[in-house]
Amino acid sequence: MQVKKVLSYGGIAFAAYYLLARPSDAATAVKGAFDSVINAADSLAQFVNNLA
């Protein structure tokens, strides 16, 4: 359990550093992640519509 806690805090620290050091790159990464989720949801909706 200790390793999981250390890795979690390390990931949070890295994300905070990345956000403060390169905010435009961090925003681009978040936008890309949201675009991927939206595209996946769109593909799933098309699949379900084609089943009918």
PDB file of N, CA and C in Angstrom:
ATOM      1  N   MET A   1       0.812  -1.193   0.000  1.00  0.00           N
ATOM      2  CA  MET A   1       0.000   0.000   0.000  1.00  0.00           C
ATOM      3  C   MET A   1       0.862   1.265   0.000  1.00  0.00           C
ATOM      4  N   GLN A   2       2.010   1.230   0.592  1.00  0.00           N
ATOM      5  CA  GLN A   2       2.873   2.401   0.676  1.00  0.00           C
ATOM      6  C   GLN A   2       3.328   2.833  -0.721  1.00  0.00           C
ATOM      7  N   VAL A   3       3.617   1.882  -1.598  1.00  0.00           N
ATOM      8  CA  VAL A   3       4.061   2.211  -2.947  1.00  0.00           C
ATOM      9  C   VAL A   3       2.948   2.926  -3.703  1.00  0.00           C
ATOM     10  N   LYS A   4       1.730   2.455  -3.543  1.00  0.00           N
ATOM     11  CA  LYS A   4       0.587   3.079  -4.205  1.00  0.00           C
ATOM     12  C   LYS A   4       0.429   4.533  -3.761  1.00  0.00           C
ATOM     13  N   LYS A   5       0.598   4.782  -2.490  1.00  0.00           N
ATOM     14  CA  LYS A   5       0.476   6.136  -1.945  1.00  0.00           C
ATOM     15  C   LYS A   5       1.579   7.033  -2.495  1.00  0.00           C
ATOM     16  N   VAL A   6       2.799   6.538  -2.541  1.00  0.00           N
ATOM     17  CA  VAL A   6       3.927   7.320  -3.047  1.00  0.00           C
ATOM     18  C   VAL A   6       3.727   7.629  -4.527  1.00  0.00           C
ATOM     19  N   LEU A   7       3.296   6.649  -5.311  1.00  0.00           N
ATOM     20  CA  LEU A   7       3.065   6.880  -6.731  1.00  0.00           C
ATOM     21  C   LEU A   7       1.921   7.858  -6.964  1.00  0.00           C
ATOM     22  N   SER A   8       0.896   7.777  -6.146  1.00  0.00           N
ATOM     23  CA  SER A   8      -0.226   8.714  -6.271  1.00  0.00           C
ATOM     24  C   SER A   8       0.232  10.140  -6.005  1.00  0.00           C
ATOM     25  N   TYR A   9       0.944  10.344  -4.909  1.00  0.00           N
ATOM     26  CA  TYR A   9       1.448  11.681  -4.593  1.00  0.00           C
ATOM     27  C   TYR A   9       2.440  12.163  -5.643  1.00  0.00           C
ATOM     28  N   GLY A  10       3.253  11.266  -6.151  1.00  0.00           N
ATOM     29  CA  GLY A  10       4.197  11.634  -7.206  1.00  0.00           C
ATOM     30  C   GLY A  10       3.470  12.066  -8.477  1.00  0.00           C
ATOM     31  N   GLY A  11       2.418  11.357  -8.831  1.00  0.00           N
ATOM     32  CA  GLY A  11       1.637  11.722 -10.009  1.00  0.00           C
ATOM     33  C   GLY A  11       0.958  13.069  -9.840  1.00  0.00           C
ATOM     34  N   ILE A  12       0.426  13.318  -8.661  1.00  0.00           N
ATOM     35  CA  ILE A  12      -0.218  14.606  -8.385  1.00  0.00           C
ATOM     36  C   ILE A  12       0.814  15.733  -8.429  1.00  0.00           C
ATOM     37  N   ALA A  13       1.981  15.491  -7.853  1.00  0.00           N
ATOM     38  CA  ALA A  13       3.039  16.507  -7.865  1.00  0.00           C
ATOM     39  C   ALA A  13       3.504  16.789  -9.291  1.00  0.00           C
ATOM     40  N   PHE A  14       3.642  15.746 -10.095  1.00  0.00           N
ATOM     41  CA  PHE A  14       4.058  15.937 -11.484  1.00  0.00           C
ATOM     42  C   PHE A  14       3.006  16.729 -12.256  1.00  0.00           C
ATOM     43  N   ALA A  15       1.731  16.394 -12.068  1.00  0.00           N
ATOM     44  CA  ALA A  15       0.655  17.113 -12.760  1.00  0.00           C
ATOM     45  C   ALA A  15       0.640  18.585 -12.349  1.00  0.00           C
ATOM     46  N   ALA A  16       0.821  18.865 -11.065  1.00  0.00           N
ATOM     47  CA  ALA A  16       0.839  20.249 -10.594  1.00  0.00           C
ATOM     48  C   ALA A  16       2.038  20.993 -11.173  1.00  0.00           C
ATOM     49  N   TYR A  17       3.194  20.375 -11.189  1.00  0.00           N
ATOM     50  CA  TYR A  17       4.383  21.002 -11.762  1.00  0.00           C
ATOM     51  C   TYR A  17       4.194  21.278 -13.248  1.00  0.00           C
ATOM     52  N   TYR A  18       3.655  20.301 -13.967  1.00  0.00           N
ATOM     53  CA  TYR A  18       3.431  20.449 -15.406  1.00  0.00           C
ATOM     54  C   TYR A  18       2.448  21.579 -15.672  1.00  0.00           C
ATOM     55  N   LEU A  19       1.398  21.662 -14.857  1.00  0.00           N
ATOM     56  CA  LEU A  19       0.401  22.714 -15.012  1.00  0.00           C
ATOM     57  C   LEU A  19       1.010  24.090 -14.771  1.00  0.00           C
ATOM     58  N   LEU A  20       1.872  24.214 -13.779  1.00  0.00           N
ATOM     59  CA  LEU A  20       2.475  25.509 -13.457  1.00  0.00           C
ATOM     60  C   LEU A  20       3.628  25.862 -14.398  1.00  0.00           C
ATOM     61  N   ALA A  21       4.377  24.868 -14.841  1.00  0.00           N
ATOM     62  CA  ALA A  21       5.547  25.138 -15.675  1.00  0.00           C
ATOM     63  C   ALA A  21       5.175  25.351 -17.141  1.00  0.00           C
ATOM     64  N   ARG A  22       4.178  24.613 -17.635  1.00  0.00           N
ATOM     65  CA  ARG A  22       3.795  24.699 -19.046  1.00  0.00           C
ATOM     66  C   ARG A  22       2.281  24.678 -19.173  1.00  0.00           C
ATOM     67  N   PRO A  23       1.632  25.761 -18.806  1.00  0.00           N
ATOM     68  CA  PRO A  23       0.168  25.775 -18.798  1.00  0.00           C
ATOM     69  C   PRO A  23      -0.472  25.570 -20.170  1.00  0.00           C
ATOM     70  N   SER A  24       0.145  26.088 -21.219  1.00  0.00           N
ATOM     71  CA  SER A  24      -0.455  25.917 -22.551  1.00  0.00           C
ATOM     72  C   SER A  24      -0.375  24.457 -22.996  1.00  0.00           C
ATOM     73  N   ASP A  25       0.730  23.786 -22.693  1.00  0.00           N
ATOM     74  CA  ASP A  25       0.853  22.365 -23.024  1.00  0.00           C
ATOM     75  C   ASP A  25      -0.119  21.525 -22.200  1.00  0.00           C
ATOM     76  N   ALA A  26      -0.304  21.896 -20.940  1.00  0.00           N
ATOM     77  CA  ALA A  26      -1.248  21.173 -20.086  1.00  0.00           C
ATOM     78  C   ALA A  26      -2.668  21.343 -20.609  1.00  0.00           C
ATOM     79  N   ALA A  27      -3.010  22.544 -21.043  1.00  0.00           N
ATOM     80  CA  ALA A  27      -4.345  22.779 -21.592  1.00  0.00           C
ATOM     81  C   ALA A  27      -4.553  21.979 -22.872  1.00  0.00           C
ATOM     82  N   THR A  28      -3.536  21.897 -23.696  1.00  0.00           N
ATOM     83  CA  THR A  28      -3.627  21.118 -24.929  1.00  0.00           C
ATOM     84  C   THR A  28      -3.822  19.638 -24.615  1.00  0.00           C
ATOM     85  N   ALA A  29      -3.132  19.135 -23.598  1.00  0.00           N
ATOM     86  CA  ALA A  29      -3.275  17.727 -23.217  1.00  0.00           C
ATOM     87  C   ALA A  29      -4.682  17.437 -22.703  1.00  0.00           C
ATOM     88  N   VAL A  30      -5.226  18.334 -21.887  1.00  0.00           N
ATOM     89  CA  VAL A  30      -6.579  18.141 -21.359  1.00  0.00           C
ATOM     90  C   VAL A  30      -7.597  18.210 -22.486  1.00  0.00           C
ATOM     91  N   LYS A  31      -7.422  19.158 -23.406  1.00  0.00           N
ATOM     92  CA  LYS A  31      -8.335  19.285 -24.543  1.00  0.00           C
ATOM     93  C   LYS A  31      -8.294  18.018 -25.389  1.00  0.00           C
ATOM     94  N   GLY A  32      -7.120  17.474 -25.602  1.00  0.00           N
ATOM     95  CA  GLY A  32      -6.984  16.235 -26.369  1.00  0.00           C
ATOM     96  C   GLY A  32      -7.671  15.069 -25.686  1.00  0.00           C
ATOM     97  N   ALA A  33      -7.562  15.002 -24.372  1.00  0.00           N
ATOM     98  CA  ALA A  33      -8.223  13.918 -23.632  1.00  0.00           C
ATOM     99  C   ALA A  33      -9.735  14.034 -23.745  1.00  0.00           C
ATOM    100  N   PHE A  34     -10.274  15.261 -23.606  1.00  0.00           N
ATOM    101  CA  PHE A  34     -11.717  15.452 -23.733  1.00  0.00           C
ATOM    102  C   PHE A  34     -12.185  15.142 -25.148  1.00  0.00           C
ATOM    103  N   ASP A  35     -11.396  15.530 -26.149  1.00  0.00           N
ATOM    104  CA  ASP A  35     -11.757  15.225 -27.532  1.00  0.00           C
ATOM    105  C   ASP A  35     -11.812  13.716 -27.763  1.00  0.00           C
ATOM    106  N   SER A  36     -10.891  12.987 -27.157  1.00  0.00           N
ATOM    107  CA  SER A  36     -10.891  11.527 -27.291  1.00  0.00           C
ATOM    108  C   SER A  36     -12.138  10.913 -26.665  1.00  0.00           C
ATOM    109  N   VAL A  37     -12.522  11.405 -25.493  1.00  0.00           N
ATOM    110  CA  VAL A  37     -13.727  10.894 -24.825  1.00  0.00           C
ATOM    111  C   VAL A  37     -14.964  11.201 -25.659  1.00  0.00           C
ATOM    112  N   ILE A  38     -15.029  12.408 -26.213  1.00  0.00           N
ATOM    113  CA  ILE A  38     -16.181  12.794 -27.033  1.00  0.00           C
ATOM    114  C   ILE A  38     -16.238  11.943 -28.297  1.00  0.00           C
ATOM    115  N   ASN A  39     -15.107  11.704 -28.930  1.00  0.00           N
ATOM    116  CA  ASN A  39     -15.081  10.868 -30.133  1.00  0.00           C
ATOM    117  C   ASN A  39     -15.506   9.438 -29.818  1.00  0.00           C
ATOM    118  N   ALA A  40     -15.071   8.911 -28.688  1.00  0.00           N
ATOM    119  CA  ALA A  40     -15.460   7.554 -28.302  1.00  0.00           C
ATOM    120  C   ALA A  40     -16.959   7.471 -28.049  1.00  0.00           C
ATOM    121  N   ALA A  41     -17.519   8.467 -27.381  1.00  0.00           N
ATOM    122  CA  ALA A  41     -18.957   8.479 -27.125  1.00  0.00           C
ATOM    123  C   ALA A  41     -19.729   8.600 -28.433  1.00  0.00           C
ATOM    124  N   ASP A  42     -19.235   9.400 -29.347  1.00  0.00           N
ATOM    125  CA  ASP A  42     -19.873   9.554 -30.649  1.00  0.00           C
ATOM    126  C   ASP A  42     -19.862   8.237 -31.424  1.00  0.00           C
ATOM    127  N   SER A  43     -18.740   7.548 -31.395  1.00  0.00           N
ATOM    128  CA  SER A  43     -18.640   6.264 -32.079  1.00  0.00           C
ATOM    129  C   SER A  43     -19.586   5.241 -31.462  1.00  0.00           C
ATOM    130  N   LEU A  44     -19.685   5.240 -30.155  1.00  0.00           N
ATOM    131  CA  LEU A  44     -20.599   4.314 -29.478  1.00  0.00           C
ATOM    132  C   LEU A  44     -22.043   4.621 -29.850  1.00  0.00           C
ATOM    133  N   ALA A  45     -22.394   5.897 -29.923  1.00  0.00           N
ATOM    134  CA  ALA A  45     -23.753   6.282 -30.295  1.00  0.00           C
ATOM    135  C   ALA A  45     -24.057   5.853 -31.730  1.00  0.00           C
ATOM    136  N   GLN A  46     -23.105   6.003 -32.632  1.00  0.00           N
ATOM    137  CA  GLN A  46     -23.313   5.557 -34.006  1.00  0.00           C
ATOM    138  C   GLN A  46     -23.498   4.047 -34.074  1.00  0.00           C
ATOM    139  N   PHE A  47     -22.732   3.320 -33.302  1.00  0.00           N
ATOM    140  CA  PHE A  47     -22.838   1.865 -33.264  1.00  0.00           C
ATOM    141  C   PHE A  47     -24.224   1.432 -32.790  1.00  0.00           C
ATOM    142  N   VAL A  48     -24.702   2.057 -31.715  1.00  0.00           N
ATOM    143  CA  VAL A  48     -26.004   1.698 -31.168  1.00  0.00           C
ATOM    144  C   VAL A  48     -27.104   2.067 -32.164  1.00  0.00           C
ATOM    145  N   ASN A  49     -26.977   3.200 -32.831  1.00  0.00           N
ATOM    146  CA  ASN A  49     -27.972   3.597 -33.825  1.00  0.00           C
ATOM    147  C   ASN A  49     -28.008   2.648 -35.010  1.00  0.00           C
ATOM    148  N   ASN A  50     -26.858   2.116 -35.391  1.00  0.00           N
ATOM    149  CA  ASN A  50     -26.798   1.187 -36.521  1.00  0.00           C
ATOM    150  C   ASN A  50     -27.346  -0.196 -36.152  1.00  0.00           C
ATOM    151  N   LEU A  51     -27.452  -0.512 -34.880  1.00  0.00           N
ATOM    152  CA  LEU A  51     -28.021  -1.796 -34.469  1.00  0.00           C
ATOM    153  C   LEU A  51     -29.518  -1.836 -34.759  1.00  0.00           C
ATOM    154  N   ALA A  52     -30.172  -0.720 -34.687  1.00  0.00           N
ATOM    155  CA  ALA A  52     -31.626  -0.678 -34.850  1.00  0.00           C
ATOM    156  C   ALA A  52     -32.037  -0.813 -36.296  1.00  0.00           C
TER     157      ALA A  52
END
